[in-house]
């Protein structure tokens, strides 16, 4: 926008120079014959000077605005460079941690796969089924309540959990329950 306005002001300045040149030629060719003609010529020149003064002020404002924009742009470049440097440092740390954590995750998955082979296939399928609708699929028994949904359990269910004779699911949320003391 500033560039467009600058071009418009420059075009207007060229036009005013032509008008001034034509007035100058007219004055030289036909000097004013009386005071009234001289006053009209002076008024025309004054109008031109006023217009030129307005354009000059506008150009000064545009220069100030351009300087402000330049400073802002330099500040943004400096901040962007700092941000890029910080990003690069964080990226190196992230990549290192990601590599380490990926290795740990692979070890944990291998261990999980080994442990899964030891379980009954039906029990593992039940766990995977519960995991699809509840996360986590298992919940501790705390003060006679399921720690997943915080519902109190009947005393018969509590006895079954404490005896450990079979896998017990919460009647409310469906999670596999285990005793916090075990």
C-alpha atoms as a PDB file:
ATOM      1  CA  UNK A   1       0.000   0.000   0.000  1.00  0.00           C
ATOM      2  CA  UNK A   2       2.814   2.355   0.892  1.00  0.00           C
ATOM      3  CA  UNK A   3       4.530   1.648  -2.428  1.00  0.00           C
ATOM      4  CA  UNK A   4       1.323   2.344  -4.336  1.00  0.00           C
ATOM      5  CA  UNK A   5       0.777   5.584  -2.439  1.00  0.00           C
ATOM      6  CA  UNK A   6       4.404   6.618  -3.004  1.00  0.00           C
ATOM      7  CA  UNK A   7       3.997   6.098  -6.744  1.00  0.00           C
ATOM      8  CA  UNK A   8       0.760   8.125  -6.684  1.00  0.00           C
ATOM      9  CA  UNK A   9       2.495  10.992  -4.842  1.00  0.00           C
ATOM     10  CA  UNK A  10       5.402  10.880  -7.283  1.00  0.00           C
ATOM     11  CA  UNK A  11       3.005  11.003 -10.251  1.00  0.00           C
ATOM     12  CA  UNK A  12       1.216  13.938  -8.668  1.00  0.00           C
ATOM     13  CA  UNK A  13       4.542  15.707  -8.072  1.00  0.00           C
ATOM     14  CA  UNK A  14       5.421  15.315 -11.760  1.00  0.00           C
ATOM     15  CA  UNK A  15       2.006  16.684 -12.708  1.00  0.00           C
ATOM     16  CA  UNK A  16       2.432  19.661 -10.352  1.00  0.00           C
ATOM     17  CA  UNK A  17       5.881  20.377 -11.801  1.00  0.00           C
ATOM     18  CA  UNK A  18       4.297  20.555 -15.253  1.00  0.00           C
ATOM     19  CA  UNK A  19       1.577  22.877 -13.946  1.00  0.00           C
ATOM     20  CA  UNK A  20       4.246  25.051 -12.290  1.00  0.00           C
ATOM     21  CA  UNK A  21       6.262  25.126 -15.510  1.00  0.00           C
ATOM     22  CA  UNK A  22       3.178  26.125 -17.509  1.00  0.00           C
ATOM     23  CA  UNK A  23       2.365  28.868 -14.975  1.00  0.00           C
ATOM     24  CA  UNK A  24       5.939  30.107 -15.183  1.00  0.00           C
ATOM     25  CA  UNK A  25       5.780  30.159 -18.988  1.00  0.00           C
ATOM     26  CA  UNK A  26       2.448  31.945 -18.857  1.00  0.00           C
ATOM     27  CA  UNK A  27       3.855  34.548 -16.460  1.00  0.00           C
ATOM     28  CA  UNK A  28       6.877  35.104 -18.683  1.00  0.00           C
ATOM     29  CA  UNK A  29       4.769  35.257 -21.842  1.00  0.00           C
ATOM     30  CA  UNK A  30       1.939  37.340 -20.384  1.00  0.00           C
ATOM     31  CA  UNK A  31       3.022  39.293 -17.332  1.00  0.00           C
ATOM     32  CA  UNK A  32       0.117  40.450 -15.174  1.00  0.00           C
ATOM     33  CA  UNK A  33      -1.249  43.780 -16.355  1.00  0.00           C
ATOM     34  CA  UNK A  34      -2.838  44.817 -13.109  1.00  0.00           C
ATOM     35  CA  UNK A  35      -2.897  43.996  -9.420  1.00  0.00           C
ATOM     36  CA  UNK A  36      -5.919  41.692  -9.728  1.00  0.00           C
ATOM     37  CA  UNK A  37      -4.188  39.504 -12.323  1.00  0.00           C
ATOM     38  CA  UNK A  38      -1.072  39.415 -10.147  1.00  0.00           C
ATOM     39  CA  UNK A  39      -3.181  38.375  -7.149  1.00  0.00           C
ATOM     40  CA  UNK A  40      -4.845  35.574  -9.163  1.00  0.00           C
ATOM     41  CA  UNK A  41      -1.450  34.354 -10.279  1.00  0.00           C
ATOM     42  CA  UNK A  42      -0.206  34.526  -6.667  1.00  0.00           C
ATOM     43  CA  UNK A  43      -3.283  32.558  -5.488  1.00  0.00           C
ATOM     44  CA  UNK A  44      -2.617  29.846  -8.094  1.00  0.00           C
ATOM     45  CA  UNK A  45       1.021  29.637  -7.031  1.00  0.00           C
ATOM     46  CA  UNK A  46      -0.028  29.523  -3.355  1.00  0.00           C
ATOM     47  CA  UNK A  47      -2.440  26.648  -4.095  1.00  0.00           C
ATOM     48  CA  UNK A  48       0.382  24.778  -5.783  1.00  0.00           C
ATOM     49  CA  UNK A  49       2.680  25.439  -2.825  1.00  0.00           C
ATOM     50  CA  UNK A  50       0.016  24.254  -0.358  1.00  0.00           C
ATOM     51  CA  UNK A  51      -0.498  21.072  -2.355  1.00  0.00           C
ATOM     52  CA  UNK A  52       3.245  20.490  -2.523  1.00  0.00           C
ATOM     53  CA  UNK A  53       3.494  21.051   1.249  1.00  0.00           C
ATOM     54  CA  UNK A  54       0.774  18.451   1.879  1.00  0.00           C
ATOM     55  CA  UNK A  55       2.557  15.945  -0.333  1.00  0.00           C
ATOM     56  CA  UNK A  56       5.842  16.713   1.387  1.00  0.00           C
ATOM     57  CA  UNK A  57       4.248  16.065   4.788  1.00  0.00           C
ATOM     58  CA  UNK A  58       2.721  12.850   3.498  1.00  0.00           C
ATOM     59  CA  UNK A  59       6.118  11.725   2.200  1.00  0.00           C
ATOM     60  CA  UNK A  60       7.689  12.455   5.609  1.00  0.00           C
ATOM     61  CA  UNK A  61       4.967  10.401   7.298  1.00  0.00           C
ATOM     62  CA  UNK A  62       5.542   7.597   4.830  1.00  0.00           C
ATOM     63  CA  UNK A  63       9.296   7.675   5.569  1.00  0.00           C
ATOM     64  CA  UNK A  64       8.598   7.455   9.302  1.00  0.00           C
ATOM     65  CA  UNK A  65       6.163   4.587   8.748  1.00  0.00           C
ATOM     66  CA  UNK A  66       8.702   2.826   6.543  1.00  0.00           C
ATOM     67  CA  UNK A  67      11.367   3.245   9.238  1.00  0.00           C
ATOM     68  CA  UNK A  68       9.016   1.794  11.847  1.00  0.00           C
ATOM     69  CA  UNK A  69       8.185  -1.128   9.555  1.00  0.00           C
ATOM     70  CA  UNK A  70      11.900  -1.713   8.901  1.00  0.00           C
ATOM     71  CA  UNK A  71      12.645  -1.801  12.639  1.00  0.00           C
ATOM     72  CA  UNK A  72       9.751  -4.185  13.239  1.00  0.00           C
ATOM     73  CA  UNK A  73      10.932  -6.403  10.414  1.00  0.00           C
ATOM     74  CA  UNK A  74      14.477  -6.475  11.815  1.00  0.00           C
ATOM     75  CA  UNK A  75      13.133  -7.361  15.267  1.00  0.00           C
ATOM     76  CA  UNK A  76      11.056 -10.149  13.769  1.00  0.00           C
ATOM     77  CA  UNK A  77      14.103 -11.492  11.914  1.00  0.00           C
ATOM     78  CA  UNK A  78      16.146 -11.457  15.121  1.00  0.00           C
ATOM     79  CA  UNK A  79      13.380 -13.197  17.073  1.00  0.00           C
ATOM     80  CA  UNK A  80      12.903 -15.714  14.273  1.00  0.00           C
ATOM     81  CA  UNK A  81      16.623 -16.496  14.279  1.00  0.00           C
ATOM     82  CA  UNK A  82      16.587 -16.973  18.067  1.00  0.00           C
ATOM     83  CA  UNK A  83      13.479 -19.132  17.841  1.00  0.00           C
ATOM     84  CA  UNK A  84      15.047 -21.221  15.091  1.00  0.00           C
ATOM     85  CA  UNK A  85      18.180 -21.697  17.205  1.00  0.00           C
ATOM     86  CA  UNK A  86      16.075 -22.739  20.221  1.00  0.00           C
ATOM     87  CA  UNK A  87      14.065 -25.077  18.014  1.00  0.00           C
ATOM     88  CA  UNK A  88      17.227 -26.668  16.649  1.00  0.00           C
ATOM     89  CA  UNK A  89      18.548 -27.235  20.182  1.00  0.00           C
ATOM     90  CA  UNK A  90      15.237 -28.707  21.326  1.00  0.00           C
ATOM     91  CA  UNK A  91      15.052 -30.854  18.215  1.00  0.00           C
ATOM     92  CA  UNK A  92      18.470 -32.375  18.982  1.00  0.00           C
ATOM     93  CA  UNK A  93      17.356 -33.133  22.547  1.00  0.00           C
ATOM     94  CA  UNK A  94      14.033 -34.492  21.313  1.00  0.00           C
ATOM     95  CA  UNK A  95      15.693 -36.735  18.739  1.00  0.00           C
ATOM     96  CA  UNK A  96      18.058 -38.102  21.365  1.00  0.00           C
ATOM     97  CA  UNK A  97      15.237 -38.755  23.865  1.00  0.00           C
ATOM     98  CA  UNK A  98      13.021 -40.204  21.148  1.00  0.00           C
ATOM     99  CA  UNK A  99      15.735 -42.631  20.127  1.00  0.00           C
ATOM    100  CA  UNK A 100      16.293 -43.696  23.756  1.00  0.00           C
ATOM    101  CA  UNK A 101      12.578 -43.973  24.490  1.00  0.00           C
ATOM    102  CA  UNK A 102      11.960 -45.914  21.285  1.00  0.00           C
ATOM    103  CA  UNK A 103      14.573 -48.434  22.360  1.00  0.00           C
ATOM    104  CA  UNK A 104      12.929 -48.689  25.806  1.00  0.00           C
ATOM    105  CA  UNK A 105       9.515 -49.060  24.208  1.00  0.00           C
ATOM    106  CA  UNK A 106      10.751 -51.863  21.978  1.00  0.00           C
ATOM    107  CA  UNK A 107      12.190 -53.637  25.025  1.00  0.00           C
ATOM    108  CA  UNK A 108       8.903 -53.234  26.881  1.00  0.00           C
ATOM    109  CA  UNK A 109       6.925 -54.522  23.913  1.00  0.00           C
ATOM    110  CA  UNK A 110       9.210 -57.527  23.608  1.00  0.00           C
ATOM    111  CA  UNK A 111       8.754 -58.214  27.327  1.00  0.00           C
ATOM    112  CA  UNK A 112       4.976 -57.790  26.967  1.00  0.00           C
ATOM    113  CA  UNK A 113       4.934 -60.225  24.049  1.00  0.00           C
ATOM    114  CA  UNK A 114       6.898 -62.768  26.117  1.00  0.00           C
ATOM    115  CA  UNK A 115       4.502 -62.393  29.048  1.00  0.00           C
ATOM    116  CA  UNK A 116       1.476 -62.620  26.744  1.00  0.00           C
ATOM    117  CA  UNK A 117       2.678 -66.018  25.517  1.00  0.00           C
ATOM    118  CA  UNK A 118       2.505 -67.289  29.105  1.00  0.00           C
ATOM    119  CA  UNK A 119      -1.177 -66.309  29.493  1.00  0.00           C
ATOM    120  CA  UNK A 120      -4.270 -68.197  28.435  1.00  0.00           C
ATOM    121  CA  UNK A 121      -5.439 -66.956  25.025  1.00  0.00           C
ATOM    122  CA  UNK A 122      -9.007 -66.464  26.308  1.00  0.00           C
ATOM    123  CA  UNK A 123      -7.801 -64.268  29.172  1.00  0.00           C
ATOM    124  CA  UNK A 124      -5.668 -62.158  26.848  1.00  0.00           C
ATOM    125  CA  UNK A 125      -8.591 -61.758  24.443  1.00  0.00           C
ATOM    126  CA  UNK A 126     -10.816 -60.646  27.341  1.00  0.00           C
ATOM    127  CA  UNK A 127      -8.173 -58.066  28.379  1.00  0.00           C
ATOM    128  CA  UNK A 128      -7.922 -56.722  24.806  1.00  0.00           C
ATOM    129  CA  UNK A 129     -11.712 -56.567  24.550  1.00  0.00           C
ATOM    130  CA  UNK A 130     -12.013 -54.542  27.770  1.00  0.00           C
ATOM    131  CA  UNK A 131      -9.138 -52.294  26.682  1.00  0.00           C
ATOM    132  CA  UNK A 132     -11.100 -51.260  23.594  1.00  0.00           C
ATOM    133  CA  UNK A 133     -13.761 -49.509  25.681  1.00  0.00           C
ATOM    134  CA  UNK A 134     -11.949 -48.776  28.993  1.00  0.00           C
ATOM    135  CA  UNK A 135      -8.558 -47.286  29.554  1.00  0.00           C
ATOM    136  CA  UNK A 136      -6.934 -48.534  31.686  1.00  0.00           C
ATOM    137  CA  UNK A 137      -8.572 -51.953  31.410  1.00  0.00           C
ATOM    138  CA  UNK A 138      -7.668 -52.929  34.980  1.00  0.00           C
ATOM    139  CA  UNK A 139      -8.597 -51.198  38.229  1.00  0.00           C
ATOM    140  CA  UNK A 140      -7.475 -51.536  41.855  1.00  0.00           C
ATOM    141  CA  UNK A 141      -9.860 -52.393  44.613  1.00  0.00           C
ATOM    142  CA  UNK A 142      -9.583 -49.519  47.096  1.00  0.00           C
ATOM    143  CA  UNK A 143     -11.793 -49.403  50.211  1.00  0.00           C
ATOM    144  CA  UNK A 144     -14.316 -51.722  48.599  1.00  0.00           C
ATOM    145  CA  UNK A 145     -14.587 -49.540  45.463  1.00  0.00           C
ATOM    146  CA  UNK A 146     -13.445 -49.896  41.859  1.00  0.00           C
ATOM    147  CA  UNK A 147     -10.713 -47.300  41.257  1.00  0.00           C
ATOM    148  CA  UNK A 148     -11.868 -46.967  37.637  1.00  0.00           C
ATOM    149  CA  UNK A 149     -15.453 -45.843  38.220  1.00  0.00           C
ATOM    150  CA  UNK A 150     -15.451 -45.413  42.039  1.00  0.00           C
ATOM    151  CA  UNK A 151     -18.552 -47.560  42.500  1.00  0.00           C
ATOM    152  CA  UNK A 152     -18.905 -49.612  45.692  1.00  0.00           C
ATOM    153  CA  UNK A 153     -18.866 -53.346  45.089  1.00  0.00           C
ATOM    154  CA  UNK A 154     -21.062 -55.995  46.712  1.00  0.00           C
ATOM    155  CA  UNK A 155     -19.440 -58.056  49.463  1.00  0.00           C
ATOM    156  CA  UNK A 156     -19.637 -61.265  47.405  1.00  0.00           C
ATOM    157  CA  UNK A 157     -17.597 -59.625  44.634  1.00  0.00           C
ATOM    158  CA  UNK A 158     -15.085 -58.369  47.202  1.00  0.00           C
ATOM    159  CA  UNK A 159     -14.623 -61.926  48.530  1.00  0.00           C
ATOM    160  CA  UNK A 160     -14.080 -63.298  45.026  1.00  0.00           C
ATOM    161  CA  UNK A 161     -11.412 -60.669  44.349  1.00  0.00           C
ATOM    162  CA  UNK A 162      -9.626 -61.324  47.643  1.00  0.00           C
ATOM    163  CA  UNK A 163      -9.761 -65.111  47.151  1.00  0.00           C
ATOM    164  CA  UNK A 164      -8.275 -64.723  43.653  1.00  0.00           C
ATOM    165  CA  UNK A 165     -10.123 -67.812  42.481  1.00  0.00           C
ATOM    166  CA  UNK A 166     -11.132 -66.211  39.174  1.00  0.00           C
ATOM    167  CA  UNK A 167     -10.923 -62.983  37.166  1.00  0.00           C
ATOM    168  CA  UNK A 168     -13.549 -60.524  38.410  1.00  0.00           C
ATOM    169  CA  UNK A 169     -14.889 -57.612  36.384  1.00  0.00           C
ATOM    170  CA  UNK A 170     -16.545 -54.486  37.781  1.00  0.00           C
ATOM    171  CA  UNK A 171     -20.313 -54.719  37.332  1.00  0.00           C
ATOM    172  CA  UNK A 172     -20.448 -50.998  36.478  1.00  0.00           C
ATOM    173  CA  UNK A 173     -17.498 -50.231  34.158  1.00  0.00           C
ATOM    174  CA  UNK A 174     -16.349 -53.710  33.121  1.00  0.00           C
ATOM    175  CA  UNK A 175     -12.717 -53.304  34.187  1.00  0.00           C
ATOM    176  CA  UNK A 176     -10.770 -56.257  35.545  1.00  0.00           C
ATOM    177  CA  UNK A 177     -10.446 -55.765  39.314  1.00  0.00           C
ATOM    178  CA  UNK A 178      -7.500 -56.667  41.500  1.00  0.00           C
ATOM    179  CA  UNK A 179      -6.771 -56.168  45.162  1.00  0.00           C
ATOM    180  CA  UNK A 180      -4.503 -53.210  45.921  1.00  0.00           C
ATOM    181  CA  UNK A 181      -2.804 -55.231  48.659  1.00  0.00           C
ATOM    182  CA  UNK A 182      -1.570 -57.879  46.205  1.00  0.00           C
END
